Amino acid sequence: MLTDTDVETAARNGAVRPKDVYESKGCRAQCGNCVPGVVCLLRQIARQGRATIADTMHGHADLQPQAM
């Protein structure tokens, strides 16, 4: 059984595709019904990560990207 916590853990460890999540658990999608849910969770996690990075940069002028 693959849980949302499994997806979150896999994403923290670098998973960006459903295949990466399944490999991290040593399993594979059997019928494929869970793949859309895994994709949705990966996208949510990626958005949260970008929001966290943006919030951090917004609060710290020294972390702002520099124009070249």
PDB file of N, CA and C in Angstrom:
ATOM      1  N   MET A   1       0.844  -1.186   0.000  1.00  0.00           N
ATOM      2  CA  MET A   1       0.000   0.000   0.000  1.00  0.00           C
ATOM      3  C   MET A   1       0.887   1.246   0.000  1.00  0.00           C
ATOM      4  N   LEU A   2       0.577   2.191  -0.855  1.00  0.00           N
ATOM      5  CA  LEU A   2       1.307   3.439  -0.994  1.00  0.00           C
ATOM      6  C   LEU A   2       0.485   4.540  -0.342  1.00  0.00           C
ATOM      7  N   THR A   3       1.087   5.274   0.584  1.00  0.00           N
ATOM      8  CA  THR A   3       0.370   6.327   1.304  1.00  0.00           C
ATOM      9  C   THR A   3       0.872   7.703   0.884  1.00  0.00           C
ATOM     10  N   ASP A   4       0.135   8.737   1.280  1.00  0.00           N
ATOM     11  CA  ASP A   4       0.586  10.100   0.986  1.00  0.00           C
ATOM     12  C   ASP A   4       1.912  10.387   1.674  1.00  0.00           C
ATOM     13  N   THR A   5       2.124   9.812   2.849  1.00  0.00           N
ATOM     14  CA  THR A   5       3.400   9.982   3.550  1.00  0.00           C
ATOM     15  C   THR A   5       4.533   9.354   2.751  1.00  0.00           C
ATOM     16  N   ASP A   6       4.270   8.220   2.122  1.00  0.00           N
ATOM     17  CA  ASP A   6       5.275   7.592   1.264  1.00  0.00           C
ATOM     18  C   ASP A   6       5.657   8.521   0.115  1.00  0.00           C
ATOM     19  N   VAL A   7       4.658   9.172  -0.476  1.00  0.00           N
ATOM     20  CA  VAL A   7       4.914  10.090  -1.591  1.00  0.00           C
ATOM     21  C   VAL A   7       5.720  11.288  -1.087  1.00  0.00           C
ATOM     22  N   GLU A   8       5.344  11.845   0.053  1.00  0.00           N
ATOM     23  CA  GLU A   8       6.055  12.986   0.617  1.00  0.00           C
ATOM     24  C   GLU A   8       7.506  12.635   0.930  1.00  0.00           C
ATOM     25  N   THR A   9       7.721  11.478   1.519  1.00  0.00           N
ATOM     26  CA  THR A   9       9.070  11.031   1.847  1.00  0.00           C
ATOM     27  C   THR A   9       9.890  10.855   0.580  1.00  0.00           C
ATOM     28  N   ALA A  10       9.304  10.215  -0.422  1.00  0.00           N
ATOM     29  CA  ALA A  10      10.005  10.017  -1.689  1.00  0.00           C
ATOM     30  C   ALA A  10      10.348  11.361  -2.332  1.00  0.00           C
ATOM     31  N   ALA A  11       9.424  12.313  -2.284  1.00  0.00           N
ATOM     32  CA  ALA A  11       9.668  13.639  -2.868  1.00  0.00           C
ATOM     33  C   ALA A  11      10.804  14.353  -2.141  1.00  0.00           C
ATOM     34  N   ARG A  12      10.828  14.256  -0.817  1.00  0.00           N
ATOM     35  CA  ARG A  12      11.925  14.863  -0.046  1.00  0.00           C
ATOM     36  C   ARG A  12      13.268  14.237  -0.415  1.00  0.00           C
ATOM     37  N   ASN A  13      13.222  12.988  -0.857  1.00  0.00           N
ATOM     38  CA  ASN A  13      14.440  12.283  -1.243  1.00  0.00           C
ATOM     39  C   ASN A  13      14.727  12.392  -2.738  1.00  0.00           C
ATOM     40  N   GLY A  14      14.009  13.275  -3.425  1.00  0.00           N
ATOM     41  CA  GLY A  14      14.321  13.564  -4.814  1.00  0.00           C
ATOM     42  C   GLY A  14      13.371  13.029  -5.858  1.00  0.00           C
ATOM     43  N   ALA A  15      12.318  12.322  -5.474  1.00  0.00           N
ATOM     44  CA  ALA A  15      11.369  11.795  -6.456  1.00  0.00           C
ATOM     45  C   ALA A  15      10.616  12.943  -7.123  1.00  0.00           C
ATOM     46  N   VAL A  16      10.523  12.895  -8.449  1.00  0.00           N
ATOM     47  CA  VAL A  16       9.780  13.914  -9.182  1.00  0.00           C
ATOM     48  C   VAL A  16       8.745  13.298 -10.124  1.00  0.00           C
ATOM     49  N   ARG A  17       8.793  11.988 -10.292  1.00  0.00           N
ATOM     50  CA  ARG A  17       7.849  11.266 -11.161  1.00  0.00           C
ATOM     51  C   ARG A  17       7.251  10.109 -10.378  1.00  0.00           C
ATOM     52  N   PRO A  18       6.058   9.664 -10.754  1.00  0.00           N
ATOM     53  CA  PRO A  18       5.474   8.515 -10.070  1.00  0.00           C
ATOM     54  C   PRO A  18       6.423   7.312 -10.039  1.00  0.00           C
ATOM     55  N   LYS A  19       7.118   7.064 -11.137  1.00  0.00           N
ATOM     56  CA  LYS A  19       8.061   5.941 -11.185  1.00  0.00           C
ATOM     57  C   LYS A  19       9.085   6.041 -10.050  1.00  0.00           C
ATOM     58  N   ASP A  20       9.554   7.253  -9.765  1.00  0.00           N
ATOM     59  CA  ASP A  20      10.519   7.462  -8.686  1.00  0.00           C
ATOM     60  C   ASP A  20       9.922   7.085  -7.334  1.00  0.00           C
ATOM     61  N   VAL A  21       8.653   7.434  -7.149  1.00  0.00           N
ATOM     62  CA  VAL A  21       7.964   7.131  -5.880  1.00  0.00           C
ATOM     63  C   VAL A  21       7.854   5.618  -5.713  1.00  0.00           C
ATOM     64  N   TYR A  22       7.404   4.950  -6.755  1.00  0.00           N
ATOM     65  CA  TYR A  22       7.246   3.495  -6.678  1.00  0.00           C
ATOM     66  C   TYR A  22       8.595   2.814  -6.425  1.00  0.00           C
ATOM     67  N   GLU A  23       9.626   3.272  -7.114  1.00  0.00           N
ATOM     68  CA  GLU A  23      10.949   2.680  -6.916  1.00  0.00           C
ATOM     69  C   GLU A  23      11.441   2.880  -5.486  1.00  0.00           C
ATOM     70  N   SER A  24      11.122   4.026  -4.889  1.00  0.00           N
ATOM     71  CA  SER A  24      11.566   4.286  -3.520  1.00  0.00           C
ATOM     72  C   SER A  24      10.921   3.322  -2.523  1.00  0.00           C
ATOM     73  N   LYS A  25       9.738   2.811  -2.889  1.00  0.00           N
ATOM     74  CA  LYS A  25       9.033   1.856  -2.024  1.00  0.00           C
ATOM     75  C   LYS A  25       9.272   0.414  -2.460  1.00  0.00           C
ATOM     76  N   GLY A  26       9.987   0.233  -3.563  1.00  0.00           N
ATOM     77  CA  GLY A  26      10.243  -1.114  -4.044  1.00  0.00           C
ATOM     78  C   GLY A  26       9.001  -1.770  -4.616  1.00  0.00           C
ATOM     79  N   CYS A  27       8.144  -0.954  -5.239  1.00  0.00           N
ATOM     80  CA  CYS A  27       6.920  -1.497  -5.832  1.00  0.00           C
ATOM     81  C   CYS A  27       6.707  -0.870  -7.205  1.00  0.00           C
ATOM     82  N   ARG A  28       5.588  -1.199  -7.818  1.00  0.00           N
ATOM     83  CA  ARG A  28       5.227  -0.588  -9.091  1.00  0.00           C
ATOM     84  C   ARG A  28       3.714  -0.484  -9.160  1.00  0.00           C
ATOM     85  N   ALA A  29       3.242   0.382 -10.040  1.00  0.00           N
ATOM     86  CA  ALA A  29       1.800   0.540 -10.217  1.00  0.00           C
ATOM     87  C   ALA A  29       1.267  -0.723 -10.881  1.00  0.00           C
ATOM     88  N   GLN A  30       0.239  -1.303 -10.314  1.00  0.00           N
ATOM     89  CA  GLN A  30      -0.345  -2.520 -10.877  1.00  0.00           C
ATOM     90  C   GLN A  30      -1.360  -2.182 -11.969  1.00  0.00           C
ATOM     91  N   CYS A  31      -2.401  -1.468 -11.605  1.00  0.00           N
ATOM     92  CA  CYS A  31      -3.450  -1.155 -12.578  1.00  0.00           C
ATOM     93  C   CYS A  31      -3.350   0.293 -13.066  1.00  0.00           C
ATOM     94  N   GLY A  32      -2.607   1.117 -12.353  1.00  0.00           N
ATOM     95  CA  GLY A  32      -2.433   2.509 -12.752  1.00  0.00           C
ATOM     96  C   GLY A  32      -3.441   3.471 -12.161  1.00  0.00           C
ATOM     97  N   ASN A  33      -4.412   2.983 -11.414  1.00  0.00           N
ATOM     98  CA  ASN A  33      -5.424   3.875 -10.836  1.00  0.00           C
ATOM     99  C   ASN A  33      -4.843   4.852  -9.819  1.00  0.00           C
ATOM    100  N   CYS A  34      -3.729   4.511  -9.213  1.00  0.00           N
ATOM    101  CA  CYS A  34      -3.145   5.386  -8.195  1.00  0.00           C
ATOM    102  C   CYS A  34      -2.228   6.455  -8.802  1.00  0.00           C
ATOM    103  N   VAL A  35      -1.842   6.297 -10.052  1.00  0.00           N
ATOM    104  CA  VAL A  35      -0.892   7.222 -10.676  1.00  0.00           C
ATOM    105  C   VAL A  35      -1.389   8.672 -10.669  1.00  0.00           C
ATOM    106  N   PRO A  36      -2.644   8.962 -11.039  1.00  0.00           N
ATOM    107  CA  PRO A  36      -3.091  10.362 -10.995  1.00  0.00           C
ATOM    108  C   PRO A  36      -2.990  10.971  -9.590  1.00  0.00           C
ATOM    109  N   GLY A  37      -3.277  10.197  -8.571  1.00  0.00           N
ATOM    110  CA  GLY A  37      -3.165  10.693  -7.197  1.00  0.00           C
ATOM    111  C   GLY A  37      -1.721  10.977  -6.818  1.00  0.00           C
ATOM    112  N   VAL A  38      -0.821  10.108  -7.251  1.00  0.00           N
ATOM    113  CA  VAL A  38       0.603  10.320  -6.974  1.00  0.00           C
ATOM    114  C   VAL A  38       1.084  11.576  -7.693  1.00  0.00           C
ATOM    115  N   VAL A  39       0.663  11.753  -8.933  1.00  0.00           N
ATOM    116  CA  VAL A  39       1.044  12.954  -9.691  1.00  0.00           C
ATOM    117  C   VAL A  39       0.526  14.199  -8.986  1.00  0.00           C
ATOM    118  N   CYS A  40      -0.714  14.165  -8.538  1.00  0.00           N
ATOM    119  CA  CYS A  40      -1.311  15.303  -7.831  1.00  0.00           C
ATOM    120  C   CYS A  40      -0.519  15.648  -6.576  1.00  0.00           C
ATOM    121  N   LEU A  41      -0.180  14.642  -5.794  1.00  0.00           N
ATOM    122  CA  LEU A  41       0.598  14.876  -4.577  1.00  0.00           C
ATOM    123  C   LEU A  41       1.978  15.429  -4.898  1.00  0.00           C
ATOM    124  N   LEU A  42       2.636  14.897  -5.911  1.00  0.00           N
ATOM    125  CA  LEU A  42       3.957  15.406  -6.295  1.00  0.00           C
ATOM    126  C   LEU A  42       3.876  16.870  -6.713  1.00  0.00           C
ATOM    127  N   ARG A  43       2.823  17.226  -7.448  1.00  0.00           N
ATOM    128  CA  ARG A  43       2.653  18.625  -7.861  1.00  0.00           C
ATOM    129  C   ARG A  43       2.412  19.533  -6.663  1.00  0.00           C
ATOM    130  N   GLN A  44       1.579  19.078  -5.716  1.00  0.00           N
ATOM    131  CA  GLN A  44       1.326  19.868  -4.509  1.00  0.00           C
ATOM    132  C   GLN A  44       2.613  20.083  -3.725  1.00  0.00           C
ATOM    133  N   ILE A  45       3.388  19.037  -3.582  1.00  0.00           N
ATOM    134  CA  ILE A  45       4.639  19.125  -2.838  1.00  0.00           C
ATOM    135  C   ILE A  45       5.593  20.076  -3.538  1.00  0.00           C
ATOM    136  N   ALA A  46       5.664  20.002  -4.866  1.00  0.00           N
ATOM    137  CA  ALA A  46       6.545  20.898  -5.628  1.00  0.00           C
ATOM    138  C   ALA A  46       6.101  22.351  -5.461  1.00  0.00           C
ATOM    139  N   ARG A  47       4.784  22.603  -5.517  1.00  0.00           N
ATOM    140  CA  ARG A  47       4.285  23.972  -5.324  1.00  0.00           C
ATOM    141  C   ARG A  47       4.610  24.484  -3.932  1.00  0.00           C
ATOM    142  N   GLN A  48       4.443  23.631  -2.927  1.00  0.00           N
ATOM    143  CA  GLN A  48       4.752  24.032  -1.555  1.00  0.00           C
ATOM    144  C   GLN A  48       6.228  24.355  -1.415  1.00  0.00           C
ATOM    145  N   GLY A  49       7.067  23.568  -2.059  1.00  0.00           N
ATOM    146  CA  GLY A  49       8.503  23.811  -2.009  1.00  0.00           C
ATOM    147  C   GLY A  49       8.862  25.130  -2.648  1.00  0.00           C
ATOM    148  N   ARG A  50       8.255  25.430  -3.800  1.00  0.00           N
ATOM    149  CA  ARG A  50       8.529  26.707  -4.468  1.00  0.00           C
ATOM    150  C   ARG A  50       8.014  27.861  -3.624  1.00  0.00           C
ATOM    151  N   ALA A  51       6.853  27.692  -2.995  1.00  0.00           N
ATOM    152  CA  ALA A  51       6.305  28.757  -2.154  1.00  0.00           C
ATOM    153  C   ALA A  51       7.214  28.994  -0.962  1.00  0.00           C
ATOM    154  N   THR A  52       7.721  27.942  -0.369  1.00  0.00           N
ATOM    155  CA  THR A  52       8.611  28.077   0.780  1.00  0.00           C
ATOM    156  C   THR A  52       9.887  28.797   0.380  1.00  0.00           C
ATOM    157  N   ILE A  53      10.442  28.454  -0.761  1.00  0.00           N
ATOM    158  CA  ILE A  53      11.658  29.109  -1.231  1.00  0.00           C
ATOM    159  C   ILE A  53      11.378  30.579  -1.517  1.00  0.00           C
ATOM    160  N   ALA A  54      10.265  30.870  -2.178  1.00  0.00           N
ATOM    161  CA  ALA A  54       9.908  32.252  -2.491  1.00  0.00           C
ATOM    162  C   ALA A  54       9.683  33.050  -1.215  1.00  0.00           C
ATOM    163  N   ASP A  55       9.002  32.476  -0.230  1.00  0.00           N
ATOM    164  CA  ASP A  55       8.769  33.158   1.041  1.00  0.00           C
ATOM    165  C   ASP A  55      10.084  33.443   1.747  1.00  0.00           C
ATOM    166  N   THR A  56      10.980  32.492   1.725  1.00  0.00           N
ATOM    167  CA  THR A  56      12.277  32.673   2.364  1.00  0.00           C
ATOM    168  C   THR A  56      13.047  33.788   1.686  1.00  0.00           C
ATOM    169  N   MET A  57      13.057  33.800   0.364  1.00  0.00           N
ATOM    170  CA  MET A  57      13.794  34.813  -0.374  1.00  0.00           C
ATOM    171  C   MET A  57      13.174  36.184  -0.181  1.00  0.00           C
ATOM    172  N   HIS A  58      11.842  36.230  -0.112  1.00  0.00           N
ATOM    173  CA  HIS A  58      11.163  37.504   0.069  1.00  0.00           C
ATOM    174  C   HIS A  58      11.532  38.129   1.413  1.00  0.00           C
ATOM    175  N   GLY A  59      11.720  37.323   2.404  1.00  0.00           N
ATOM    176  CA  GLY A  59      12.023  37.826   3.735  1.00  0.00           C
ATOM    177  C   GLY A  59      13.487  38.160   3.968  1.00  0.00           C
ATOM    178  N   HIS A  60      14.358  37.811   3.011  1.00  0.00           N
ATOM    179  CA  HIS A  60      15.788  38.029   3.190  1.00  0.00           C
ATOM    180  C   HIS A  60      16.376  38.655   1.936  1.00  0.00           C
ATOM    181  N   ALA A  61      16.656  39.958   2.017  1.00  0.00           N
ATOM    182  CA  ALA A  61      17.195  40.665   0.858  1.00  0.00           C
ATOM    183  C   ALA A  61      18.508  40.058   0.383  1.00  0.00           C
ATOM    184  N   ASP A  62      19.293  39.505   1.300  1.00  0.00           N
ATOM    185  CA  ASP A  62      20.567  38.923   0.913  1.00  0.00           C
ATOM    186  C   ASP A  62      20.414  37.641   0.115  1.00  0.00           C
ATOM    187  N   LEU A  63      19.190  37.063   0.077  1.00  0.00           N
ATOM    188  CA  LEU A  63      18.944  35.852  -0.679  1.00  0.00           C
ATOM    189  C   LEU A  63      18.288  36.117  -2.020  1.00  0.00           C
ATOM    190  N   GLN A  64      18.039  37.373  -2.341  1.00  0.00           N
ATOM    191  CA  GLN A  64      17.397  37.708  -3.601  1.00  0.00           C
ATOM    192  C   GLN A  64      18.332  37.394  -4.762  1.00  0.00           C
ATOM    193  N   PRO A  65      17.780  36.889  -5.857  1.00  0.00           N
ATOM    194  CA  PRO A  65      18.620  36.618  -7.027  1.00  0.00           C
ATOM    195  C   PRO A  65      19.224  37.911  -7.546  1.00  0.00           C
ATOM    196  N   GLN A  66      20.441  37.838  -7.981  1.00  0.00           N
ATOM    197  CA  GLN A  66      21.150  39.012  -8.482  1.00  0.00           C
ATOM    198  C   GLN A  66      21.052  39.068 -10.002  1.00  0.00           C
ATOM    199  N   ALA A  67      20.806  40.260 -10.538  1.00  0.00           N
ATOM    200  CA  ALA A  67      20.793  40.430 -11.992  1.00  0.00           C
ATOM    201  C   ALA A  67      22.220  40.403 -12.496  1.00  0.00           C
ATOM    202  N   MET A  68      22.391  39.781 -13.651  1.00  0.00           N
ATOM    203  CA  MET A  68      23.731  39.681 -14.218  1.00  0.00           C
ATOM    204  C   MET A  68      23.894  40.718 -15.296  1.00  0.00           C
TER     205      MET A  68
END
